[in-house]
C-alpha atoms as a PDB file:
ATOM      1  CA  MET A   1     154.479 153.840  73.677  1.00  0.00           C
ATOM      2  CA  ASN A   2     152.101 152.031  71.341  1.00  0.00           C
ATOM      3  CA  GLN A   3     148.375 152.722  71.153  1.00  0.00           C
ATOM      4  CA  GLU A   4     147.261 149.675  73.145  1.00  0.00           C
ATOM      5  CA  THR A   5     149.625 150.538  75.998  1.00  0.00           C
ATOM      6  CA  MET A   6     148.552 154.206  75.944  1.00  0.00           C
ATOM      7  CA  ILE A   7     144.896 153.174  76.214  1.00  0.00           C
ATOM      8  CA  LYS A   8     145.711 151.052  79.276  1.00  0.00           C
ATOM      9  CA  GLU A   9     147.736 153.899  80.822  1.00  0.00           C
ATOM     10  CA  LEU A  10     144.906 156.408  80.290  1.00  0.00           C
ATOM     11  CA  GLU A  11     142.480 154.000  81.907  1.00  0.00           C
ATOM     12  CA  SER A  12     144.679 153.222  84.915  1.00  0.00           C
ATOM     13  CA  LYS A  13     146.275 156.641  85.583  1.00  0.00           C
ATOM     14  CA  PHE A  14     143.381 158.943  84.659  1.00  0.00           C
ATOM     15  CA  LYS A  15     140.304 156.689  84.898  1.00  0.00           C
ATOM     16  CA  LEU A  16     139.376 157.553  81.301  1.00  0.00           C
ATOM     17  CA  ASN A  17     137.278 155.358  79.042  1.00  0.00           C
ATOM     18  CA  ALA A  18     139.836 155.377  76.223  1.00  0.00           C
ATOM     19  CA  VAL A  19     139.158 153.310  73.108  1.00  0.00           C
ATOM     20  CA  PRO A  20     140.629 153.105  69.596  1.00  0.00           C
ATOM     21  CA  ARG A  21     139.505 156.016  67.401  1.00  0.00           C
ATOM     22  CA  PHE A  22     137.865 153.507  65.043  1.00  0.00           C
ATOM     23  CA  GLU A  23     135.079 153.041  67.591  1.00  0.00           C
ATOM     24  CA  PHE A  24     134.125 156.694  67.108  1.00  0.00           C
ATOM     25  CA  ASP A  25     133.139 156.555  63.443  1.00  0.00           C
ATOM     26  CA  ALA A  26     134.163 153.111  62.087  1.00  0.00           C
ATOM     27  CA  THR A  27     136.005 154.746  59.193  1.00  0.00           C
ATOM     28  CA  LEU A  28     138.800 152.813  57.500  1.00  0.00           C
ATOM     29  CA  ILE A  29     141.752 154.570  55.892  1.00  0.00           C
ATOM     30  CA  ASP A  30     143.331 152.579  53.062  1.00  0.00           C
ATOM     31  CA  GLY A  31     141.475 149.547  54.388  1.00  0.00           C
ATOM     32  CA  LYS A  32     142.944 149.882  57.884  1.00  0.00           C
ATOM     33  CA  GLU A  33     141.726 151.234  61.192  1.00  0.00           C
ATOM     34  CA  PRO A  34     143.161 154.725  61.724  1.00  0.00           C
ATOM     35  CA  GLN A  35     145.561 155.305  64.595  1.00  0.00           C
ATOM     36  CA  GLY A  36     144.362 157.401  67.470  1.00  0.00           C
ATOM     37  CA  ILE A  37     142.430 157.180  70.699  1.00  0.00           C
ATOM     38  CA  TRP A  38     138.943 158.461  71.446  1.00  0.00           C
ATOM     39  CA  ILE A  39     138.167 159.546  74.998  1.00  0.00           C
ATOM     40  CA  ARG A  40     134.711 158.057  75.230  1.00  0.00           C
ATOM     41  CA  ASP A  41     133.638 159.761  78.433  1.00  0.00           C
ATOM     42  CA  ASP A  42     133.886 163.038  80.304  1.00  0.00           C
ATOM     43  CA  ILE A  43     137.528 164.166  80.303  1.00  0.00           C
ATOM     44  CA  CYS A  44     136.849 166.997  82.781  1.00  0.00           C
ATOM     45  CA  LYS A  45     137.380 165.224  86.094  1.00  0.00           C
ATOM     46  CA  GLU A  46     139.676 165.428  89.087  1.00  0.00           C
ATOM     47  CA  SER A  47     142.049 162.724  87.774  1.00  0.00           C
ATOM     48  CA  THR A  48     142.833 164.871  84.690  1.00  0.00           C
ATOM     49  CA  GLY A  49     143.204 168.146  86.587  1.00  0.00           C
ATOM     50  CA  PHE A  50     139.662 169.054  85.471  1.00  0.00           C
ATOM     51  CA  TYR A  51     140.718 169.089  81.807  1.00  0.00           C
ATOM     52  CA  ASN A  52     138.731 171.871  80.140  1.00  0.00           C
ATOM     53  CA  TYR A  53     137.819 170.016  76.934  1.00  0.00           C
ATOM     54  CA  ALA A  54     138.998 171.663  73.678  1.00  0.00           C
ATOM     55  CA  GLU A  55     140.423 174.691  75.490  1.00  0.00           C
ATOM     56  CA  ASP A  56     142.905 172.578  77.453  1.00  0.00           C
ATOM     57  CA  THR A  57     144.403 170.753  74.471  1.00  0.00           C
ATOM     58  CA  MET A  58     146.884 173.651  74.167  1.00  0.00           C
ATOM     59  CA  ASN A  59     147.543 173.933  77.932  1.00  0.00           C
ATOM     60  CA  ASP A  60     151.043 172.570  78.565  1.00  0.00           C
ATOM     61  CA  SER A  61     150.647 172.838  82.338  1.00  0.00           C
ATOM     62  CA  ASN A  62     147.744 170.366  82.518  1.00  0.00           C
ATOM     63  CA  ILE A  63     148.740 167.039  84.091  1.00  0.00           C
ATOM     64  CA  LEU A  64     147.174 164.999  81.287  1.00  0.00           C
ATOM     65  CA  ASN A  65     148.977 166.963  78.572  1.00  0.00           C
ATOM     66  CA  GLN A  66     152.267 166.681  80.462  1.00  0.00           C
ATOM     67  CA  PHE A  67     151.806 162.909  80.653  1.00  0.00           C
ATOM     68  CA  LEU A  68     150.877 162.632  76.965  1.00  0.00           C
ATOM     69  CA  SER A  69     153.808 164.780  75.866  1.00  0.00           C
ATOM     70  CA  SER A  70     156.267 162.764  77.956  1.00  0.00           C
ATOM     71  CA  LYS A  71     155.116 159.620  76.137  1.00  0.00           C
ATOM     72  CA  GLY A  72     155.127 161.138  72.612  1.00  0.00           C
ATOM     73  CA  TRP A  73     151.379 161.736  72.297  1.00  0.00           C
ATOM     74  CA  TYR A  74     149.081 164.800  72.168  1.00  0.00           C
ATOM     75  CA  ALA A  75     145.399 165.637  72.594  1.00  0.00           C
ATOM     76  CA  GLU A  76     143.360 167.199  69.788  1.00  0.00           C
ATOM     77  CA  PRO A  77     139.752 168.383  69.897  1.00  0.00           C
ATOM     78  CA  TYR A  78     137.343 166.783  67.440  1.00  0.00           C
ATOM     79  CA  ASP A  79     134.719 169.278  68.578  1.00  0.00           C
ATOM     80  CA  ALA A  80     134.143 171.295  71.746  1.00  0.00           C
ATOM     81  CA  GLU A  81     133.791 168.266  74.046  1.00  0.00           C
ATOM     82  CA  THR A  82     135.181 165.334  72.033  1.00  0.00           C
ATOM     83  CA  ILE A  83     138.897 164.731  72.512  1.00  0.00           C
ATOM     84  CA  MET A  84     141.080 162.476  70.378  1.00  0.00           C
ATOM     85  CA  ILE A  85     144.634 161.507  71.286  1.00  0.00           C
ATOM     86  CA  TYR A  86     147.296 160.862  68.666  1.00  0.00           C
ATOM     87  CA  GLU A  87     150.917 159.825  68.623  1.00  0.00           C
ATOM     88  CA  ILE A  88     153.291 162.607  67.623  1.00  0.00           C
ATOM     89  CA  SER A  89     154.510 161.974  64.096  1.00  0.00           C
ATOM     90  CA  LYS A  90     158.034 160.719  63.777  1.00  0.00           C
ATOM     91  CA  THR A  91     158.249 162.090  60.244  1.00  0.00           C
ATOM     92  CA  TYR A  92     160.910 164.742  59.792  1.00  0.00           C
ATOM     93  CA  HIS A  93     160.562 167.423  57.127  1.00  0.00           C
ATOM     94  CA  THR A  94     163.359 169.703  55.991  1.00  0.00           C
ATOM     95  CA  PRO A  95     162.658 173.463  56.087  1.00  0.00           C
ATOM     96  CA  GLU A  96     162.349 173.386  52.292  1.00  0.00           C
ATOM     97  CA  GLU A  97     159.699 170.657  52.466  1.00  0.00           C
ATOM     98  CA  VAL A  98     157.759 172.617  55.082  1.00  0.00           C
ATOM     99  CA  ASP A  99     157.878 175.726  52.846  1.00  0.00           C
ATOM    100  CA  ALA A 100     156.646 173.694  49.875  1.00  0.00           C
ATOM    101  CA  MET A 101     153.769 172.294  51.942  1.00  0.00           C
ATOM    102  CA  SER A 102     152.729 175.746  53.114  1.00  0.00           C
ATOM    103  CA  ASP A 103     152.786 177.064  49.522  1.00  0.00           C
ATOM    104  CA  SER A 104     150.297 174.411  48.432  1.00  0.00           C
ATOM    105  CA  GLU A 105     147.209 175.637  46.578  1.00  0.00           C
ATOM    106  CA  ASP A 106     145.144 173.262  48.724  1.00  0.00           C
ATOM    107  CA  ASP A 107     145.693 175.350  51.855  1.00  0.00           C
ATOM    108  CA  TYR A 108     142.694 177.214  53.151  1.00  0.00           C
ATOM    109  CA  TYR A 109     143.072 179.964  55.728  1.00  0.00           C
END
């Protein structure tokens, strides 16, 4: 499901004010608007199963997360009450590539 369709689905199914992420900070990446969706209003409402902001982004039993996952998307907290929604990457990495990425000197724990 593309971003425009997901925005419409979030608005119709969950009554969320969903907008392109670009409206959050107007930042361009390589001269293009970044992918992603900003939930521009309160996500904790009956239509989302009273989504508990950042804490619920890891809750697989929440109705919003189940919907997102079924469509290839996921929720990620920007901060405690700001939720962004992104499409799950279709990039596949071999186990060796994953090991190489985790051995990077740029990682901070």
